[in-house]
Amino acid sequence: TEKPGKSTRINGDIRIIEGRFKAVGQDLTVENGTIFFQGSPNNPGLDIRAFRDVKAYNVRAGLELGGTLSDPRSRVYSEPDMDETEAMSFLLTGKPLDSGSDTDAAAIMQAIALYGIEKGDFITDRVGDKLGLDVGIDADGEFEDTALMLGKQLSSRLYLRYSIGLFEALNTVMLSYAINRYLNLETRSNAEEQ
């Protein structure tokens, strides 16, 4: 609908019968999908379900996308049903979390940060528990400085942390040594500075 002096409005929906959707570094098959328009053409509603078949394990893992284009929501699912951590591992790596590497864990964490997967904290906790690492997202400072952090307490005084930049390709190694209860010595090193 167009009227003089008013913005264009669209009411209706587009149904996706079959298609491909690229997300979390994978080419997913769209199982069913609908894009809803109720007013502005710039911010349609989303109802899309896309999956990846992992034939070696007889698993289908995918994403359900909802919300709107400007505020999308995503949820990981799987068939057979499993917790979201395992489903995310199958979706990204094609294998269970137990057989994954540290690189696979980093890919899962990056997907959580970039795609706003719901219940992200639960998944980071599970990945950290499986690998025996402290895992988290460092969102302090500027948006482009957001990083995935993997850390390990090496001794009662020594802590090692590795940060992987999610938006800028800058990885940092940090080593912290507790001299006493009040004083820590810390060193950081990356490609740009030490």
N, C-alpha and C. Protein backbone atom coordinates (compact mmCIF):
# COMPACT_ATOMS: atom_id res chain seq x y z
N THR A 1 0.85 -1.18 0.00
CA THR A 1 0.00 0.00 0.00
C THR A 1 0.89 1.23 0.00
N GLU A 2 0.62 2.15 -0.92
CA GLU A 2 1.34 3.41 -0.96
C GLU A 2 0.34 4.56 -0.98
N LYS A 3 0.57 5.54 -0.12
CA LYS A 3 -0.27 6.73 -0.08
C LYS A 3 0.65 7.93 -0.06
N PRO A 4 0.27 9.02 -0.68
CA PRO A 4 1.13 10.21 -0.70
C PRO A 4 1.44 10.68 0.73
N GLY A 5 2.72 10.97 0.97
CA GLY A 5 3.15 11.46 2.28
C GLY A 5 3.29 10.38 3.34
N LYS A 6 3.01 9.14 3.00
CA LYS A 6 3.13 8.04 3.96
C LYS A 6 4.13 7.00 3.43
N SER A 7 4.74 6.28 4.35
CA SER A 7 5.69 5.25 3.93
C SER A 7 4.96 4.03 3.39
N THR A 8 5.65 3.30 2.52
CA THR A 8 5.09 2.09 1.92
C THR A 8 4.84 1.04 3.00
N ARG A 9 3.70 0.35 2.91
CA ARG A 9 3.36 -0.71 3.86
C ARG A 9 3.09 -1.99 3.08
N ILE A 10 3.54 -3.11 3.65
CA ILE A 10 3.32 -4.41 3.03
C ILE A 10 2.67 -5.33 4.06
N ASN A 11 1.62 -6.02 3.66
CA ASN A 11 0.97 -7.01 4.51
C ASN A 11 0.89 -8.32 3.74
N GLY A 12 1.38 -9.39 4.35
CA GLY A 12 1.36 -10.70 3.71
C GLY A 12 2.59 -11.48 4.11
N ASP A 13 2.82 -12.57 3.40
CA ASP A 13 3.98 -13.38 3.74
C ASP A 13 4.54 -14.04 2.48
N ILE A 14 5.80 -14.43 2.60
CA ILE A 14 6.48 -15.19 1.55
C ILE A 14 6.81 -16.54 2.16
N ARG A 15 6.37 -17.60 1.51
CA ARG A 15 6.64 -18.95 2.01
C ARG A 15 7.82 -19.55 1.24
N ILE A 16 8.76 -20.08 1.99
CA ILE A 16 9.94 -20.71 1.39
C ILE A 16 9.66 -22.21 1.37
N ILE A 17 9.54 -22.77 0.18
CA ILE A 17 9.22 -24.19 0.04
C ILE A 17 10.49 -25.02 0.11
N GLU A 18 11.54 -24.58 -0.55
CA GLU A 18 12.84 -25.22 -0.41
C GLU A 18 13.91 -24.17 -0.66
N GLY A 19 15.05 -24.35 -0.03
CA GLY A 19 16.11 -23.37 -0.20
C GLY A 19 17.33 -23.72 0.61
N ARG A 20 18.34 -22.87 0.53
CA ARG A 20 19.57 -23.02 1.26
C ARG A 20 19.75 -21.78 2.11
N PHE A 21 20.37 -21.98 3.28
CA PHE A 21 20.60 -20.89 4.21
C PHE A 21 22.00 -21.05 4.78
N LYS A 22 22.83 -20.03 4.65
CA LYS A 22 24.20 -20.11 5.17
C LYS A 22 24.22 -19.46 6.54
N ALA A 23 24.59 -20.27 7.54
CA ALA A 23 24.69 -19.77 8.92
C ALA A 23 25.72 -20.60 9.66
N VAL A 24 26.32 -20.01 10.67
CA VAL A 24 27.34 -20.64 11.52
C VAL A 24 28.36 -21.41 10.68
N GLY A 25 28.73 -20.84 9.53
CA GLY A 25 29.74 -21.45 8.68
C GLY A 25 29.28 -22.69 7.93
N GLN A 26 27.99 -22.95 7.89
CA GLN A 26 27.46 -24.16 7.25
C GLN A 26 26.40 -23.79 6.22
N ASP A 27 26.30 -24.62 5.18
CA ASP A 27 25.20 -24.51 4.23
C ASP A 27 24.07 -25.38 4.77
N LEU A 28 23.00 -24.75 5.20
CA LEU A 28 21.88 -25.48 5.78
C LEU A 28 20.74 -25.56 4.77
N THR A 29 19.96 -26.62 4.86
CA THR A 29 18.79 -26.80 4.01
C THR A 29 17.58 -26.23 4.74
N VAL A 30 16.83 -25.38 4.05
CA VAL A 30 15.62 -24.81 4.65
C VAL A 30 14.52 -25.86 4.57
N GLU A 31 14.04 -26.25 5.75
CA GLU A 31 12.99 -27.25 5.84
C GLU A 31 11.63 -26.62 5.59
N ASN A 32 11.41 -25.52 6.23
CA ASN A 32 10.23 -24.70 5.94
C ASN A 32 10.55 -23.30 6.43
N GLY A 33 9.90 -22.35 5.83
CA GLY A 33 10.17 -20.98 6.24
C GLY A 33 9.10 -20.03 5.76
N THR A 34 8.90 -19.01 6.55
CA THR A 34 7.96 -17.95 6.20
C THR A 34 8.55 -16.61 6.61
N ILE A 35 8.43 -15.64 5.72
CA ILE A 35 8.83 -14.27 6.03
C ILE A 35 7.53 -13.46 6.02
N PHE A 36 7.22 -12.84 7.19
CA PHE A 36 5.95 -12.12 7.36
C PHE A 36 6.17 -10.62 7.21
N PHE A 37 5.27 -9.98 6.53
CA PHE A 37 5.28 -8.51 6.42
C PHE A 37 4.00 -7.98 7.03
N GLN A 38 4.16 -7.07 7.99
CA GLN A 38 3.01 -6.44 8.63
C GLN A 38 3.32 -4.97 8.83
N GLY A 39 3.42 -4.24 7.74
CA GLY A 39 3.73 -2.82 7.83
C GLY A 39 4.98 -2.49 7.03
N SER A 40 6.02 -2.05 7.71
CA SER A 40 7.24 -1.63 7.04
C SER A 40 7.91 -2.79 6.31
N PRO A 41 8.34 -2.58 5.05
CA PRO A 41 9.02 -3.65 4.32
C PRO A 41 10.45 -3.89 4.83
N ASN A 42 10.96 -2.99 5.68
CA ASN A 42 12.34 -3.07 6.14
C ASN A 42 12.56 -4.03 7.30
N ASN A 43 11.48 -4.46 7.97
CA ASN A 43 11.65 -5.29 9.16
C ASN A 43 10.63 -6.42 9.21
N PRO A 44 10.75 -7.40 8.29
CA PRO A 44 9.79 -8.50 8.29
C PRO A 44 10.00 -9.44 9.47
N GLY A 45 8.96 -10.21 9.80
CA GLY A 45 9.06 -11.25 10.81
C GLY A 45 9.64 -12.52 10.19
N LEU A 46 10.31 -13.32 11.01
CA LEU A 46 10.97 -14.53 10.53
C LEU A 46 10.42 -15.77 11.22
N ASP A 47 10.21 -16.81 10.46
CA ASP A 47 9.88 -18.13 10.99
C ASP A 47 10.52 -19.14 10.04
N ILE A 48 11.79 -19.45 10.30
CA ILE A 48 12.58 -20.29 9.39
C ILE A 48 13.21 -21.43 10.17
N ARG A 49 13.17 -22.60 9.59
CA ARG A 49 13.80 -23.78 10.20
C ARG A 49 14.75 -24.37 9.15
N ALA A 50 16.05 -24.40 9.49
CA ALA A 50 17.07 -24.89 8.56
C ALA A 50 17.92 -25.93 9.28
N PHE A 51 18.40 -26.95 8.55
CA PHE A 51 19.10 -28.05 9.20
C PHE A 51 20.30 -28.53 8.40
N ARG A 52 21.07 -29.37 9.06
CA ARG A 52 22.20 -30.09 8.48
C ARG A 52 22.05 -31.55 8.89
N ASP A 53 22.14 -32.47 7.93
CA ASP A 53 22.12 -33.90 8.26
C ASP A 53 23.56 -34.38 8.49
N VAL A 54 23.78 -35.05 9.61
CA VAL A 54 25.07 -35.66 9.91
C VAL A 54 24.85 -37.17 9.81
N LYS A 55 25.05 -37.69 8.62
CA LYS A 55 24.72 -39.08 8.34
C LYS A 55 25.55 -40.07 9.16
N ALA A 56 26.81 -39.74 9.45
CA ALA A 56 27.68 -40.66 10.20
C ALA A 56 27.12 -40.98 11.58
N TYR A 57 26.35 -40.04 12.16
CA TYR A 57 25.79 -40.24 13.49
C TYR A 57 24.26 -40.34 13.46
N ASN A 58 23.67 -40.30 12.25
CA ASN A 58 22.22 -40.33 12.10
C ASN A 58 21.55 -39.22 12.91
N VAL A 59 22.10 -38.01 12.76
CA VAL A 59 21.60 -36.84 13.50
C VAL A 59 21.25 -35.73 12.51
N ARG A 60 20.19 -35.04 12.80
CA ARG A 60 19.84 -33.81 12.09
C ARG A 60 19.93 -32.68 13.10
N ALA A 61 20.76 -31.68 12.82
CA ALA A 61 20.92 -30.53 13.72
C ALA A 61 20.62 -29.27 12.92
N GLY A 62 19.98 -28.32 13.57
CA GLY A 62 19.62 -27.12 12.83
C GLY A 62 19.33 -25.93 13.70
N LEU A 63 18.87 -24.87 13.03
CA LEU A 63 18.51 -23.62 13.68
C LEU A 63 17.06 -23.29 13.39
N GLU A 64 16.37 -22.80 14.40
CA GLU A 64 15.05 -22.22 14.22
C GLU A 64 15.22 -20.72 14.40
N LEU A 65 14.87 -19.95 13.38
CA LEU A 65 15.00 -18.50 13.42
C LEU A 65 13.64 -17.87 13.57
N GLY A 66 13.53 -16.95 14.51
CA GLY A 66 12.29 -16.24 14.74
C GLY A 66 12.58 -14.76 14.98
N GLY A 67 11.62 -14.06 15.52
CA GLY A 67 11.80 -12.63 15.76
C GLY A 67 11.62 -11.85 14.47
N THR A 68 12.35 -10.75 14.34
CA THR A 68 12.28 -9.92 13.15
C THR A 68 13.67 -9.76 12.56
N LEU A 69 13.74 -9.21 11.37
CA LEU A 69 15.02 -9.02 10.71
C LEU A 69 15.96 -8.15 11.53
N SER A 70 15.43 -7.12 12.19
CA SER A 70 16.28 -6.24 12.99
C SER A 70 16.56 -6.81 14.38
N ASP A 71 15.76 -7.77 14.84
CA ASP A 71 15.96 -8.38 16.16
C ASP A 71 15.70 -9.89 16.05
N PRO A 72 16.60 -10.60 15.34
CA PRO A 72 16.37 -12.03 15.15
C PRO A 72 16.65 -12.83 16.41
N ARG A 73 15.97 -13.95 16.54
CA ARG A 73 16.18 -14.89 17.64
C ARG A 73 16.48 -16.25 17.01
N SER A 74 17.40 -16.97 17.60
CA SER A 74 17.71 -18.29 17.06
C SER A 74 17.77 -19.32 18.18
N ARG A 75 17.42 -20.54 17.83
CA ARG A 75 17.46 -21.65 18.77
C ARG A 75 17.98 -22.86 18.03
N VAL A 76 18.89 -23.58 18.68
CA VAL A 76 19.45 -24.80 18.10
C VAL A 76 18.51 -25.96 18.43
N TYR A 77 18.30 -26.85 17.48
CA TYR A 77 17.50 -28.05 17.74
C TYR A 77 18.19 -29.25 17.11
N SER A 78 17.74 -30.43 17.46
CA SER A 78 18.29 -31.64 16.87
C SER A 78 17.25 -32.74 16.86
N GLU A 79 17.45 -33.70 15.97
CA GLU A 79 16.65 -34.92 15.90
C GLU A 79 17.64 -36.07 15.80
N PRO A 80 17.73 -36.99 16.73
CA PRO A 80 16.94 -37.08 17.95
C PRO A 80 17.26 -35.92 18.89
N ASP A 81 16.34 -35.67 19.81
CA ASP A 81 16.46 -34.56 20.73
C ASP A 81 17.66 -34.75 21.66
N MET A 82 18.46 -33.68 21.83
CA MET A 82 19.61 -33.70 22.74
C MET A 82 19.78 -32.30 23.28
N ASP A 83 20.65 -32.12 24.28
CA ASP A 83 20.82 -30.77 24.82
C ASP A 83 21.47 -29.87 23.77
N GLU A 84 21.29 -28.57 23.95
CA GLU A 84 21.71 -27.60 22.94
C GLU A 84 23.22 -27.60 22.70
N THR A 85 24.00 -27.95 23.71
CA THR A 85 25.45 -27.99 23.54
C THR A 85 25.83 -29.06 22.52
N GLU A 86 25.27 -30.25 22.67
CA GLU A 86 25.56 -31.33 21.72
C GLU A 86 25.01 -30.99 20.34
N ALA A 87 23.80 -30.42 20.29
CA ALA A 87 23.20 -30.05 19.01
C ALA A 87 24.07 -29.02 18.29
N MET A 88 24.60 -28.04 19.04
CA MET A 88 25.47 -27.03 18.45
C MET A 88 26.75 -27.66 17.92
N SER A 89 27.29 -28.61 18.65
CA SER A 89 28.50 -29.29 18.19
C SER A 89 28.25 -30.03 16.88
N PHE A 90 27.13 -30.76 16.78
CA PHE A 90 26.79 -31.45 15.54
C PHE A 90 26.56 -30.46 14.41
N LEU A 91 25.90 -29.35 14.71
CA LEU A 91 25.62 -28.35 13.69
C LEU A 91 26.90 -27.76 13.11
N LEU A 92 27.87 -27.45 13.98
CA LEU A 92 29.10 -26.78 13.53
C LEU A 92 30.17 -27.74 13.04
N THR A 93 30.35 -28.86 13.73
CA THR A 93 31.50 -29.72 13.44
C THR A 93 31.12 -31.06 12.84
N GLY A 94 29.85 -31.45 12.93
CA GLY A 94 29.44 -32.73 12.41
C GLY A 94 29.81 -33.90 13.30
N LYS A 95 30.12 -33.62 14.57
CA LYS A 95 30.48 -34.68 15.51
C LYS A 95 30.09 -34.27 16.92
N PRO A 96 30.04 -35.23 17.86
CA PRO A 96 29.68 -34.89 19.23
C PRO A 96 30.76 -34.06 19.90
N LEU A 97 30.37 -33.34 20.95
CA LEU A 97 31.28 -32.45 21.66
C LEU A 97 32.46 -33.22 22.25
N ASP A 98 32.23 -34.44 22.74
CA ASP A 98 33.30 -35.23 23.35
C ASP A 98 34.45 -35.51 22.40
N SER A 99 34.17 -35.61 21.10
CA SER A 99 35.23 -35.93 20.16
C SER A 99 35.79 -34.68 19.48
N GLY A 100 35.38 -33.51 19.95
CA GLY A 100 35.85 -32.26 19.36
C GLY A 100 37.17 -31.80 19.95
N SER A 101 37.78 -30.83 19.29
CA SER A 101 39.06 -30.27 19.73
C SER A 101 38.82 -28.89 20.35
N ASP A 102 39.89 -28.27 20.82
CA ASP A 102 39.79 -26.90 21.34
C ASP A 102 39.32 -25.95 20.24
N THR A 103 39.74 -26.20 19.00
CA THR A 103 39.32 -25.37 17.87
C THR A 103 37.82 -25.48 17.66
N ASP A 104 37.28 -26.71 17.80
CA ASP A 104 35.84 -26.91 17.67
C ASP A 104 35.09 -26.14 18.76
N ALA A 105 35.62 -26.18 19.98
CA ALA A 105 34.99 -25.46 21.09
C ALA A 105 34.99 -23.96 20.81
N ALA A 106 36.09 -23.45 20.27
CA ALA A 106 36.17 -22.02 19.94
C ALA A 106 35.14 -21.66 18.87
N ALA A 107 34.94 -22.54 17.90
CA ALA A 107 33.95 -22.29 16.85
C ALA A 107 32.54 -22.23 17.43
N ILE A 108 32.25 -23.11 18.39
CA ILE A 108 30.94 -23.11 19.05
C ILE A 108 30.74 -21.80 19.79
N MET A 109 31.76 -21.36 20.53
CA MET A 109 31.64 -20.12 21.30
C MET A 109 31.48 -18.91 20.38
N GLN A 110 32.20 -18.91 19.27
CA GLN A 110 32.10 -17.80 18.33
C GLN A 110 30.70 -17.74 17.74
N ALA A 111 30.12 -18.88 17.43
CA ALA A 111 28.76 -18.92 16.90
C ALA A 111 27.76 -18.36 17.90
N ILE A 112 27.95 -18.69 19.16
CA ILE A 112 27.06 -18.18 20.20
C ILE A 112 27.12 -16.66 20.25
N ALA A 113 28.33 -16.13 20.21
CA ALA A 113 28.50 -14.68 20.29
C ALA A 113 27.97 -13.97 19.05
N LEU A 114 28.25 -14.51 17.88
CA LEU A 114 27.87 -13.83 16.64
C LEU A 114 26.39 -13.95 16.30
N TYR A 115 25.82 -15.09 16.60
CA TYR A 115 24.44 -15.32 16.20
C TYR A 115 23.43 -15.19 17.32
N GLY A 116 23.90 -14.83 18.52
CA GLY A 116 22.98 -14.59 19.62
C GLY A 116 22.15 -15.80 19.97
N ILE A 117 22.77 -16.98 19.94
CA ILE A 117 22.04 -18.19 20.28
C ILE A 117 21.47 -18.05 21.68
N GLU A 118 20.18 -18.36 21.85
CA GLU A 118 19.56 -18.28 23.17
C GLU A 118 20.23 -19.28 24.11
N LYS A 119 20.23 -18.94 25.39
CA LYS A 119 20.85 -19.78 26.42
C LYS A 119 22.35 -19.93 26.20
N GLY A 120 22.99 -18.91 25.65
CA GLY A 120 24.42 -18.96 25.36
C GLY A 120 25.26 -19.25 26.58
N ASP A 121 24.91 -18.70 27.73
CA ASP A 121 25.70 -18.94 28.94
C ASP A 121 25.70 -20.41 29.32
N PHE A 122 24.58 -21.08 29.16
CA PHE A 122 24.50 -22.50 29.48
C PHE A 122 25.45 -23.29 28.58
N ILE A 123 25.48 -22.95 27.30
CA ILE A 123 26.34 -23.67 26.37
C ILE A 123 27.81 -23.41 26.69
N THR A 124 28.18 -22.16 26.99
CA THR A 124 29.59 -21.88 27.31
C THR A 124 30.00 -22.64 28.55
N ASP A 125 29.12 -22.74 29.54
CA ASP A 125 29.45 -23.50 30.75
C ASP A 125 29.69 -24.97 30.43
N ARG A 126 28.83 -25.55 29.59
CA ARG A 126 28.97 -26.97 29.23
C ARG A 126 30.27 -27.22 28.48
N VAL A 127 30.60 -26.33 27.51
CA VAL A 127 31.84 -26.49 26.75
C VAL A 127 33.03 -26.39 27.68
N GLY A 128 33.00 -25.43 28.60
CA GLY A 128 34.09 -25.28 29.56
C GLY A 128 34.25 -26.49 30.44
N ASP A 129 33.13 -27.06 30.90
CA ASP A 129 33.19 -28.25 31.75
C ASP A 129 33.79 -29.44 30.99
N LYS A 130 33.40 -29.62 29.74
CA LYS A 130 33.91 -30.74 28.95
C LYS A 130 35.40 -30.64 28.72
N LEU A 131 35.91 -29.41 28.49
CA LEU A 131 37.32 -29.23 28.17
C LEU A 131 38.17 -28.91 29.39
N GLY A 132 37.56 -28.68 30.54
CA GLY A 132 38.32 -28.34 31.73
C GLY A 132 38.91 -26.94 31.67
N LEU A 133 38.24 -26.04 30.99
CA LEU A 133 38.71 -24.66 30.83
C LEU A 133 37.67 -23.69 31.35
N ASP A 134 38.14 -22.49 31.71
CA ASP A 134 37.23 -21.38 31.97
C ASP A 134 36.91 -20.79 30.60
N VAL A 135 35.63 -20.68 30.27
CA VAL A 135 35.23 -20.18 28.96
C VAL A 135 34.27 -19.02 29.17
N GLY A 136 34.44 -17.98 28.39
CA GLY A 136 33.54 -16.84 28.49
C GLY A 136 33.71 -15.89 27.33
N ILE A 137 32.86 -14.90 27.29
CA ILE A 137 32.91 -13.85 26.27
C ILE A 137 33.30 -12.56 26.97
N ASP A 138 34.36 -11.91 26.49
CA ASP A 138 34.80 -10.62 27.03
C ASP A 138 34.19 -9.54 26.16
N ALA A 139 33.16 -8.87 26.68
CA ALA A 139 32.47 -7.82 25.93
C ALA A 139 32.78 -6.44 26.49
N ASP A 140 33.82 -6.32 27.32
CA ASP A 140 34.21 -5.02 27.85
C ASP A 140 34.86 -4.19 26.75
N GLY A 141 34.67 -2.90 26.79
CA GLY A 141 35.30 -2.02 25.81
C GLY A 141 34.48 -1.90 24.55
N GLU A 142 35.16 -1.64 23.43
CA GLU A 142 34.51 -1.42 22.15
C GLU A 142 33.92 -2.71 21.60
N PHE A 143 32.88 -2.58 20.77
CA PHE A 143 32.19 -3.73 20.18
C PHE A 143 33.16 -4.63 19.42
N GLU A 144 34.06 -4.01 18.61
CA GLU A 144 34.98 -4.80 17.80
C GLU A 144 36.05 -5.51 18.62
N ASP A 145 36.17 -5.15 19.92
CA ASP A 145 37.14 -5.81 20.79
C ASP A 145 36.58 -7.06 21.47
N THR A 146 35.32 -7.39 21.22
CA THR A 146 34.70 -8.56 21.84
C THR A 146 35.51 -9.82 21.51
N ALA A 147 35.75 -10.64 22.53
CA ALA A 147 36.59 -11.83 22.33
C ALA A 147 36.06 -13.02 23.10
N LEU A 148 36.36 -14.19 22.58
CA LEU A 148 36.11 -15.45 23.27
C LEU A 148 37.34 -15.73 24.12
N MET A 149 37.13 -16.04 25.40
CA MET A 149 38.25 -16.28 26.31
C MET A 149 38.26 -17.73 26.76
N LEU A 150 39.43 -18.36 26.66
CA LEU A 150 39.65 -19.70 27.17
C LEU A 150 40.77 -19.59 28.19
N GLY A 151 40.55 -20.04 29.42
CA GLY A 151 41.56 -19.89 30.47
C GLY A 151 41.72 -21.14 31.30
N LYS A 152 42.84 -21.20 31.99
CA LYS A 152 43.13 -22.35 32.84
C LYS A 152 44.03 -21.90 33.99
N GLN A 153 43.66 -22.29 35.21
CA GLN A 153 44.49 -22.05 36.39
C GLN A 153 45.56 -23.13 36.40
N LEU A 154 46.81 -22.75 36.13
CA LEU A 154 47.90 -23.72 36.01
C LEU A 154 48.47 -24.12 37.37
N SER A 155 48.44 -23.19 38.31
CA SER A 155 48.86 -23.48 39.68
C SER A 155 48.12 -22.52 40.59
N SER A 156 48.40 -22.56 41.89
CA SER A 156 47.69 -21.66 42.81
C SER A 156 48.00 -20.19 42.52
N ARG A 157 49.12 -19.92 41.82
CA ARG A 157 49.51 -18.53 41.55
C ARG A 157 49.50 -18.16 40.08
N LEU A 158 49.47 -19.14 39.18
CA LEU A 158 49.66 -18.88 37.76
C LEU A 158 48.38 -19.19 36.97
N TYR A 159 47.93 -18.20 36.16
CA TYR A 159 46.72 -18.34 35.36
C TYR A 159 47.06 -17.99 33.91
N LEU A 160 46.62 -18.83 32.98
CA LEU A 160 46.86 -18.61 31.55
C LEU A 160 45.52 -18.41 30.86
N ARG A 161 45.45 -17.37 30.00
CA ARG A 161 44.22 -17.10 29.26
C ARG A 161 44.57 -16.82 27.80
N TYR A 162 43.74 -17.34 26.90
CA TYR A 162 43.89 -17.10 25.47
C TYR A 162 42.60 -16.47 24.98
N SER A 163 42.69 -15.29 24.35
CA SER A 163 41.51 -14.58 23.85
C SER A 163 41.52 -14.60 22.33
N ILE A 164 40.38 -14.95 21.76
CA ILE A 164 40.22 -15.01 20.31
C ILE A 164 39.26 -13.90 19.91
N GLY A 165 39.71 -12.95 19.12
CA GLY A 165 38.86 -11.85 18.67
C GLY A 165 37.72 -12.37 17.81
N LEU A 166 36.49 -11.96 18.13
CA LEU A 166 35.33 -12.42 17.37
C LEU A 166 35.08 -11.57 16.14
N PHE A 167 35.48 -10.30 16.17
CA PHE A 167 35.22 -9.41 15.05
C PHE A 167 36.50 -8.93 14.37
N GLU A 168 37.58 -8.92 15.11
CA GLU A 168 38.88 -8.60 14.55
C GLU A 168 39.78 -9.80 14.76
N ALA A 169 40.60 -10.10 13.77
CA ALA A 169 41.49 -11.27 13.85
C ALA A 169 42.69 -10.95 14.74
N LEU A 170 42.44 -10.80 16.02
CA LEU A 170 43.50 -10.49 16.97
C LEU A 170 43.39 -11.45 18.15
N ASN A 171 44.37 -12.30 18.29
CA ASN A 171 44.41 -13.27 19.37
C ASN A 171 45.45 -12.83 20.39
N THR A 172 45.11 -12.96 21.67
CA THR A 172 45.99 -12.49 22.74
C THR A 172 46.22 -13.59 23.76
N VAL A 173 47.47 -13.72 24.17
CA VAL A 173 47.84 -14.64 25.25
C VAL A 173 48.13 -13.79 26.48
N MET A 174 47.55 -14.16 27.62
CA MET A 174 47.75 -13.43 28.87
C MET A 174 48.20 -14.42 29.93
N LEU A 175 49.21 -14.03 30.69
CA LEU A 175 49.71 -14.82 31.79
C LEU A 175 49.68 -13.95 33.03
N SER A 176 49.06 -14.45 34.10
CA SER A 176 48.95 -13.69 35.35
C SER A 176 49.57 -14.49 36.49
N TYR A 177 50.44 -13.83 37.24
CA TYR A 177 51.11 -14.48 38.37
C TYR A 177 50.80 -13.71 39.64
N ALA A 178 50.25 -14.39 40.65
CA ALA A 178 49.90 -13.76 41.92
C ALA A 178 51.15 -13.70 42.80
N ILE A 179 51.67 -12.50 42.99
CA ILE A 179 52.85 -12.33 43.84
C ILE A 179 52.46 -12.48 45.30
N ASN A 180 51.34 -11.86 45.67
CA ASN A 180 50.76 -12.03 46.99
C ASN A 180 49.27 -11.76 46.89
N ARG A 181 48.58 -11.65 48.03
CA ARG A 181 47.12 -11.45 47.99
C ARG A 181 46.72 -10.13 47.34
N TYR A 182 47.61 -9.15 47.33
CA TYR A 182 47.25 -7.81 46.86
C TYR A 182 47.88 -7.44 45.53
N LEU A 183 48.84 -8.23 45.05
CA LEU A 183 49.61 -7.82 43.88
C LEU A 183 49.74 -8.96 42.88
N ASN A 184 49.33 -8.69 41.61
CA ASN A 184 49.47 -9.64 40.51
C ASN A 184 50.40 -9.05 39.46
N LEU A 185 51.19 -9.87 38.85
CA LEU A 185 52.01 -9.49 37.71
C LEU A 185 51.35 -10.09 36.48
N GLU A 186 51.09 -9.27 35.47
CA GLU A 186 50.35 -9.73 34.31
C GLU A 186 51.08 -9.33 33.04
N THR A 187 51.14 -10.22 32.07
CA THR A 187 51.72 -9.91 30.77
C THR A 187 50.75 -10.37 29.69
N ARG A 188 50.67 -9.56 28.64
CA ARG A 188 49.80 -9.87 27.50
C ARG A 188 50.61 -9.73 26.23
N SER A 189 50.32 -10.56 25.27
CA SER A 189 51.04 -10.51 24.01
C SER A 189 50.11 -10.86 22.86
N ASN A 190 50.16 -10.03 21.80
CA ASN A 190 49.45 -10.33 20.56
C ASN A 190 50.26 -9.77 19.40
N ALA A 191 49.72 -9.82 18.21
CA ALA A 191 50.46 -9.38 17.03
C ALA A 191 50.72 -7.88 17.02
N GLU A 192 49.96 -7.09 17.77
CA GLU A 192 50.08 -5.64 17.73
C GLU A 192 50.88 -5.07 18.90
N GLU A 193 50.84 -5.73 20.05
CA GLU A 193 51.49 -5.14 21.22
C GLU A 193 51.84 -6.20 22.26
N GLN A 194 52.72 -5.80 23.19
CA GLN A 194 53.05 -6.66 24.34
C GLN A 194 52.95 -5.81 25.59
